[in-house]
Amino acid sequence: MRWFAAGVLLATACVAHPAAAELTYLAEVGPWDVFYASEPDGRSLCGISQFNNGLGFLIKVNNVREAFIHLSKDSWAVPAGAKVHVGFVVDGRPVLDLPILPTDRPTMIEGNLLPEQAAGLIDRFSLGGHMQVRFLTGSEGFWDVPLKGTYRITQHFLRCLSERLQPRQPFDAALPGSSQPF
């Protein structure tokens, strides 16, 4: 049941046209999953997710190296235009404070990460023992997120990033000698 519920939510949250998205689960470690989503037009992403007790937590990086956090709760009804501020604390140390906006699903919010924010969060996430998601606006209580298994799941995630996302090259690699470093 976890796979079905998560798959439906992931497919709608992954890329702009969820009906055309192909979703592949790559690994599962405890409550954490790594997935790859792709569309026929070439858009793709790798993600880490956990869905438990109606709550969802996702970290995603797409093939143009944009990073996102998605948080979801089955009982939310977040109105369009709402502004949410969320803090992430790992092992008692603040890692990230992030403005987060609603998505087209009223049960989900999304935050865009700068590259250094994504690297810092993923590093702390992978090595941490416990994370707290703190909703600094609204009435949502703190979420306690055990991080058991996140080191191993992060290794699968990094493998997805390096093997499945199209590399960005400033030249046509198929043409020998077509590029010079000067």
Protein backbone atom coordinates (compact mmCIF):
# COMPACT_ATOMS: atom_id res chain seq x y z
CA MET A 1 0.00 0.00 0.00
CA ARG A 2 2.89 2.37 0.79
CA TRP A 3 4.22 1.93 -2.77
CA PHE A 4 0.85 2.63 -4.37
CA ALA A 5 0.08 5.77 -2.34
CA ALA A 6 3.60 7.07 -2.71
CA GLY A 7 3.64 6.29 -6.45
CA VAL A 8 0.46 8.23 -7.09
CA LEU A 9 1.76 11.23 -5.15
CA LEU A 10 5.23 11.03 -6.68
CA ALA A 11 3.89 10.80 -10.21
CA THR A 12 1.84 13.93 -9.72
CA ALA A 13 4.69 15.79 -8.02
CA CYS A 14 7.60 14.77 -10.22
CA VAL A 15 7.19 16.61 -13.46
CA ALA A 16 4.68 18.93 -15.10
CA HIS A 17 2.74 16.26 -17.00
CA PRO A 18 2.23 13.42 -14.52
CA ALA A 19 0.24 11.22 -16.89
CA ALA A 20 3.29 10.89 -19.16
CA ALA A 21 5.86 10.44 -16.37
CA GLU A 22 7.50 7.06 -15.95
CA LEU A 23 8.42 6.30 -12.35
CA THR A 24 11.04 3.72 -11.37
CA TYR A 25 11.87 2.80 -7.77
CA LEU A 26 15.60 2.12 -7.48
CA ALA A 27 16.14 1.30 -3.81
CA GLU A 28 14.44 0.98 -0.45
CA VAL A 29 16.20 1.27 2.91
CA GLY A 30 13.85 1.15 5.89
CA PRO A 31 11.17 3.79 5.31
CA TRP A 32 13.22 5.60 2.63
CA ASP A 33 12.96 5.13 -1.15
CA VAL A 34 15.03 6.37 -4.08
CA PHE A 35 13.19 6.85 -7.35
CA TYR A 36 13.82 8.04 -10.89
CA ALA A 37 11.13 9.79 -12.95
CA SER A 38 11.35 10.59 -16.64
CA GLU A 39 9.18 12.02 -19.39
CA PRO A 40 9.31 11.38 -23.13
CA ASP A 41 10.44 14.99 -23.71
CA GLY A 42 13.70 14.34 -21.83
CA ARG A 43 12.87 15.85 -18.46
CA SER A 44 13.90 13.63 -15.59
CA LEU A 45 14.74 13.66 -11.89
CA CYS A 46 16.07 11.58 -9.04
CA GLY A 47 14.50 11.70 -5.61
CA ILE A 48 14.50 10.44 -2.05
CA SER A 49 11.14 9.96 -0.39
CA GLN A 50 9.45 8.76 2.75
CA PHE A 51 5.69 8.42 3.23
CA ASN A 52 4.38 7.45 6.67
CA ASN A 53 1.14 8.09 8.53
CA GLY A 54 -0.17 10.49 5.88
CA LEU A 55 3.04 12.56 5.83
CA GLY A 56 5.42 12.81 2.89
CA PHE A 57 9.00 14.10 2.68
CA LEU A 58 10.86 14.29 -0.65
CA ILE A 59 14.21 15.66 -1.82
CA LYS A 60 14.51 15.84 -5.61
CA VAL A 61 17.08 16.96 -8.19
CA ASN A 62 16.15 17.27 -11.86
CA ASN A 63 18.28 16.92 -14.98
CA VAL A 64 19.05 20.66 -15.10
CA ARG A 65 20.38 20.35 -11.53
CA GLU A 66 17.55 22.17 -9.78
CA ALA A 67 16.85 20.82 -6.28
CA PHE A 68 13.52 20.79 -4.42
CA ILE A 69 11.96 19.70 -1.16
CA HIS A 70 8.34 18.60 -1.15
CA LEU A 71 6.37 18.13 2.06
CA SER A 72 2.88 16.67 2.05
CA LYS A 73 0.16 15.82 4.52
CA ASP A 74 -3.08 14.11 3.56
CA SER A 75 -5.18 16.47 5.71
CA TRP A 76 -3.71 19.75 4.45
CA ALA A 77 -5.70 22.19 2.33
CA VAL A 78 -2.99 24.77 1.55
CA PRO A 79 -4.49 27.65 -0.44
CA ALA A 80 -2.78 28.97 -3.56
CA GLY A 81 -0.53 31.89 -2.71
CA ALA A 82 0.06 30.83 0.91
CA LYS A 83 3.57 31.50 2.19
CA VAL A 84 5.05 28.94 4.52
CA HIS A 85 8.41 29.07 6.27
CA VAL A 86 10.04 25.79 7.30
CA GLY A 87 13.18 25.02 9.27
CA PHE A 88 15.14 21.78 9.12
CA VAL A 89 17.15 20.70 12.17
CA VAL A 90 19.39 17.62 12.13
CA ASP A 91 20.70 16.21 15.39
CA GLY A 92 19.80 19.43 17.19
CA ARG A 93 21.64 21.72 14.75
CA PRO A 94 19.77 24.01 12.33
CA VAL A 95 20.60 23.09 8.75
CA LEU A 96 18.22 25.14 6.63
CA ASP A 97 15.41 27.69 6.86
CA LEU A 98 13.40 27.82 3.68
CA PRO A 99 10.42 29.72 2.28
CA ILE A 100 8.06 27.14 0.83
CA LEU A 101 5.09 27.64 -1.49
CA PRO A 102 2.00 25.59 -2.32
CA THR A 103 1.98 23.31 -5.34
CA ASP A 104 -1.02 22.62 -7.56
CA ARG A 105 -1.94 19.92 -5.01
CA PRO A 106 -3.45 21.44 -1.84
CA THR A 107 -1.88 18.65 0.24
CA MET A 108 1.70 19.50 -0.84
CA ILE A 109 4.17 22.37 -0.47
CA GLU A 110 7.47 22.88 -2.29
CA GLY A 111 10.75 24.67 -1.60
CA ASN A 112 13.47 25.35 -4.15
CA LEU A 113 17.03 24.83 -2.97
CA LEU A 114 20.16 26.62 -4.07
CA PRO A 115 22.98 24.17 -4.90
CA GLU A 116 24.84 24.87 -1.65
CA GLN A 117 21.60 24.45 0.35
CA ALA A 118 20.91 21.11 -1.32
CA ALA A 119 24.48 19.91 -0.71
CA GLY A 120 24.36 20.95 2.96
CA LEU A 121 20.97 19.37 3.59
CA ILE A 122 21.83 16.10 1.83
CA ASP A 123 25.15 15.90 3.67
CA ARG A 124 23.55 16.40 7.10
CA PHE A 125 20.56 14.22 6.16
CA SER A 126 22.81 11.33 5.14
CA LEU A 127 24.96 11.45 8.28
CA GLY A 128 22.30 12.39 10.81
CA GLY A 129 20.40 10.34 13.32
CA HIS A 130 17.26 12.47 13.65
CA MET A 131 15.69 15.39 11.81
CA GLN A 132 13.00 17.77 12.90
CA VAL A 133 10.95 19.65 10.31
CA ARG A 134 9.76 22.85 11.99
CA PHE A 135 6.85 24.76 10.51
CA LEU A 136 7.63 28.36 11.45
CA THR A 137 4.30 29.67 10.14
CA GLY A 138 0.80 28.28 10.53
CA SER A 139 -0.36 25.77 13.10
CA GLU A 140 1.37 22.57 11.90
CA GLY A 141 3.39 20.96 14.69
CA PHE A 142 7.00 19.83 14.33
CA TRP A 143 7.61 16.61 12.42
CA ASP A 144 10.10 14.18 13.93
CA VAL A 145 11.89 12.25 11.20
CA PRO A 146 14.22 9.39 12.19
CA LEU A 147 17.14 9.25 9.77
CA LYS A 148 18.03 5.58 10.17
CA GLY A 149 19.14 4.26 6.77
CA THR A 150 19.72 7.68 5.21
CA TYR A 151 23.43 7.12 4.63
CA ARG A 152 22.70 4.05 2.52
CA ILE A 153 19.72 5.62 0.74
CA THR A 154 21.79 8.72 -0.07
CA GLN A 155 24.37 6.49 -1.78
CA HIS A 156 21.61 5.15 -4.07
CA PHE A 157 20.40 8.72 -4.68
CA LEU A 158 23.88 9.92 -5.66
CA ARG A 159 24.23 6.93 -8.00
CA CYS A 160 20.93 7.92 -9.63
CA LEU A 161 22.20 11.48 -10.09
CA SER A 162 25.45 10.36 -11.69
CA GLU A 163 24.10 7.52 -13.84
CA ARG A 164 20.57 8.47 -14.84
CA LEU A 165 20.45 12.23 -15.26
CA GLN A 166 21.68 13.49 -18.60
CA PRO A 167 25.11 15.03 -18.25
CA ARG A 168 25.45 18.66 -19.16
CA GLN A 169 28.28 19.02 -21.63
CA PRO A 170 29.28 22.25 -23.35
CA PHE A 171 30.21 20.38 -26.52
CA ASP A 172 29.14 17.47 -28.67
CA ALA A 173 31.02 14.54 -27.15
CA ALA A 174 30.30 12.46 -30.27
CA LEU A 175 32.65 14.63 -32.34
CA PRO A 176 36.30 13.97 -31.41
CA GLY A 177 38.30 17.14 -31.17
CA SER A 178 35.23 19.38 -31.36
CA SER A 179 36.11 21.19 -28.16
CA GLN A 180 39.15 22.80 -26.60
CA PRO A 181 39.64 23.88 -23.01
CA PHE A 182 41.03 27.27 -24.10
